[in-house]
Amino acid sequence: MTEANNGAAAAQPQLTMKILAQYVRDMSFENAVAQKGLQAGEVQPEMAVQVSLDARKRPAENQYEVLTKFKITANNKATNTPLYLLELDYGGIFHVEGVPEDQMHPFLLIECPRQLFPFVRRIVSDVTRDGGFPPFNLDMVDFVALYRAELTRRAEQQAAEAVKS
């Protein structure tokens, strides 16, 4: 019985994921308060965070590039005037083996961004603090929910296009 279990375990490919590189692909911080020469004073910031993801196969075997894109806007709640806008595209190069082909897409858009998130969170906090605002600490992102929402959006888009045809 033990030999049969060992044989089944040996047949299962070993999952391997390594982060080969991480980088800021693009970043922009627009401080509306400083640009207009205004005093921030007592404000109640209203934050909005948009997240999008992208992944693609690289020419090297088992290598993938995963991009996380964050757009963070802060507006003064009382006057609805902008305080700042931060856009950050943060990428990683991953070496991934042992993931079945039908599970690769969700793996790249869920597990890989989870690995990058702590670094994104730190950059956002540092940039907002260095921009003259209290550091903004991103809440954890539910990458599973984000992935499912994108699948639903694509399915609805395909259904709408099928109706038009």
Protein backbone atom coordinates (compact mmCIF):
# COMPACT_ATOMS: atom_id res chain seq x y z
CA MET A 1 0.00 0.00 0.00
CA THR A 2 2.82 2.39 0.83
CA GLU A 3 4.56 1.71 -2.48
CA ALA A 4 1.38 2.55 -4.41
CA ASN A 5 1.04 5.84 -2.54
CA ASN A 6 4.69 6.69 -3.19
CA GLY A 7 4.21 5.94 -6.89
CA ALA A 8 1.17 8.25 -7.06
CA ALA A 9 3.09 10.99 -5.27
CA ALA A 10 6.02 10.59 -7.63
CA ALA A 11 3.68 10.98 -10.61
CA GLN A 12 2.51 14.36 -9.31
CA PRO A 13 4.78 17.10 -10.67
CA GLN A 14 6.43 19.24 -8.02
CA LEU A 15 5.13 22.82 -7.96
CA THR A 16 7.98 25.31 -8.17
CA MET A 17 7.67 29.09 -8.21
CA LYS A 18 10.63 31.44 -8.04
CA ILE A 19 10.63 35.20 -8.32
CA LEU A 20 13.49 35.95 -10.71
CA ALA A 21 13.05 39.75 -10.75
CA GLN A 22 10.78 42.52 -9.52
CA TYR A 23 10.58 46.04 -10.88
CA VAL A 24 8.64 49.27 -11.13
CA ARG A 25 7.56 49.40 -14.76
CA ASP A 26 5.87 52.79 -14.50
CA MET A 27 4.98 55.15 -11.69
CA SER A 28 3.36 58.55 -11.48
CA PHE A 29 2.48 60.63 -8.42
CA GLU A 30 0.52 63.83 -8.94
CA ASN A 31 0.25 66.00 -5.85
CA ALA A 32 -2.68 68.32 -6.66
CA VAL A 33 -2.32 70.21 -3.38
CA ALA A 34 1.29 71.22 -4.09
CA GLN A 35 0.65 71.96 -7.77
CA LYS A 36 -2.12 74.43 -6.93
CA GLY A 37 -0.22 75.96 -4.01
CA LEU A 38 -2.97 75.07 -1.59
CA GLN A 39 -2.67 74.14 2.04
CA ALA A 40 -3.87 70.64 2.79
CA GLY A 41 -5.11 71.75 6.21
CA GLU A 42 -7.79 69.64 7.81
CA VAL A 43 -9.05 67.30 5.15
CA GLN A 44 -10.86 64.02 5.18
CA PRO A 45 -9.40 62.04 2.30
CA GLU A 46 -11.69 59.76 0.38
CA MET A 47 -9.62 57.00 -1.16
CA ALA A 48 -10.35 54.98 -4.29
CA VAL A 49 -8.19 52.06 -5.37
CA GLN A 50 -8.39 50.33 -8.75
CA VAL A 51 -6.38 47.19 -9.45
CA SER A 52 -5.79 45.38 -12.72
CA LEU A 53 -3.57 42.46 -13.59
CA ASP A 54 -1.82 41.15 -16.65
CA ALA A 55 0.37 38.13 -17.32
CA ARG A 56 2.23 36.86 -20.35
CA LYS A 57 4.56 34.04 -21.26
CA ARG A 58 8.19 34.99 -21.79
CA PRO A 59 10.43 33.43 -24.46
CA ALA A 60 12.42 31.46 -21.84
CA GLU A 61 10.95 28.12 -20.81
CA ASN A 62 8.65 28.25 -17.75
CA GLN A 63 9.05 32.03 -17.37
CA TYR A 64 6.17 34.48 -17.06
CA GLU A 65 5.87 38.22 -16.55
CA VAL A 66 3.10 39.35 -14.23
CA LEU A 67 2.08 43.02 -13.95
CA THR A 68 0.03 44.52 -11.14
CA LYS A 69 -1.42 47.93 -11.93
CA PHE A 70 -2.68 50.16 -9.13
CA LYS A 71 -4.48 53.49 -9.51
CA ILE A 72 -5.02 55.27 -6.21
CA THR A 73 -6.91 58.54 -6.01
CA ALA A 74 -7.41 60.66 -2.93
CA ASN A 75 -10.03 63.39 -2.89
CA ASN A 76 -10.99 65.80 -0.13
CA LYS A 77 -14.31 64.40 1.04
CA ALA A 78 -15.69 67.81 2.05
CA THR A 79 -14.97 69.63 -1.21
CA ASN A 80 -14.51 66.69 -3.61
CA THR A 81 -11.26 68.25 -4.81
CA PRO A 82 -8.32 66.04 -5.71
CA LEU A 83 -5.47 65.63 -3.25
CA TYR A 84 -3.29 63.20 -5.17
CA LEU A 85 -3.21 60.51 -7.83
CA LEU A 86 -0.77 57.61 -7.68
CA GLU A 87 -0.42 55.17 -10.56
CA LEU A 88 1.94 52.24 -10.15
CA ASP A 89 2.70 49.38 -12.53
CA TYR A 90 4.77 46.82 -10.64
CA GLY A 91 5.99 43.67 -12.32
CA GLY A 92 7.64 40.42 -11.56
CA ILE A 93 9.35 37.75 -13.61
CA PHE A 94 8.44 34.29 -12.34
CA HIS A 95 9.77 30.83 -13.04
CA VAL A 96 6.82 28.44 -12.65
CA GLU A 97 6.87 24.66 -13.04
CA GLY A 98 4.46 21.88 -12.13
CA VAL A 99 1.23 23.82 -12.62
CA PRO A 100 -1.21 22.07 -14.98
CA GLU A 101 -1.85 24.07 -18.14
CA ASP A 102 -5.55 24.56 -17.34
CA GLN A 103 -4.61 26.07 -13.96
CA MET A 104 -1.75 28.29 -15.16
CA HIS A 105 -3.89 31.37 -15.92
CA PRO A 106 -5.47 31.60 -12.46
CA PHE A 107 -2.14 30.74 -10.83
CA LEU A 108 -0.39 33.62 -12.63
CA LEU A 109 -3.14 36.13 -11.83
CA ILE A 110 -3.74 35.08 -8.21
CA GLU A 111 -0.64 33.54 -6.65
CA CYS A 112 2.00 35.66 -8.38
CA PRO A 113 0.36 39.02 -7.49
CA ARG A 114 0.09 37.81 -3.88
CA GLN A 115 3.87 37.48 -3.85
CA LEU A 116 4.34 40.99 -5.26
CA PHE A 117 1.76 42.72 -3.05
CA PRO A 118 3.92 43.41 0.04
CA PHE A 119 6.41 45.28 -2.14
CA VAL A 120 3.65 47.29 -3.84
CA ARG A 121 2.19 48.15 -0.44
CA ARG A 122 5.55 49.46 0.76
CA ILE A 123 6.10 51.59 -2.36
CA VAL A 124 2.61 53.13 -2.07
CA SER A 125 3.17 53.93 1.59
CA ASP A 126 6.58 55.49 0.95
CA VAL A 127 5.49 57.54 -2.07
CA THR A 128 2.41 59.00 -0.37
CA ARG A 129 4.46 59.84 2.75
CA ASP A 130 7.27 61.37 0.69
CA GLY A 131 4.62 63.33 -1.23
CA GLY A 132 3.63 65.15 1.98
CA PHE A 133 0.62 63.05 2.99
CA PRO A 134 0.10 60.46 5.69
CA PRO A 135 1.38 57.11 4.42
CA PHE A 136 -1.39 55.20 2.67
CA ASN A 137 -1.35 51.54 3.66
CA LEU A 138 -3.15 49.48 1.05
CA ASP A 139 -5.61 46.96 2.40
CA MET A 140 -5.02 43.39 1.32
CA VAL A 141 -6.31 42.71 -2.17
CA ASP A 142 -8.49 39.64 -2.71
CA PHE A 143 -6.89 38.43 -5.92
CA VAL A 144 -9.29 35.45 -6.14
CA ALA A 145 -12.32 37.79 -6.15
CA LEU A 146 -10.56 40.07 -8.63
CA TYR A 147 -9.88 37.11 -10.93
CA ARG A 148 -13.48 35.87 -10.72
CA ALA A 149 -14.84 39.37 -11.41
CA GLU A 150 -12.66 39.60 -14.52
CA LEU A 151 -13.90 36.19 -15.76
CA THR A 152 -17.50 37.33 -15.23
CA ARG A 153 -16.85 40.63 -17.03
CA ARG A 154 -15.31 38.80 -20.01
CA ALA A 155 -18.18 36.31 -20.18
CA GLU A 156 -20.74 39.14 -20.15
CA GLN A 157 -18.78 40.99 -22.83
CA GLN A 158 -18.66 37.87 -25.05
CA ALA A 159 -22.40 37.29 -24.54
CA ALA A 160 -23.15 40.91 -25.49
CA GLU A 161 -21.00 40.60 -28.61
CA ALA A 162 -22.72 37.33 -29.55
CA VAL A 163 -26.14 39.04 -29.31
CA LYS A 164 -24.95 41.86 -31.60
CA SER A 165 -23.75 39.38 -34.27
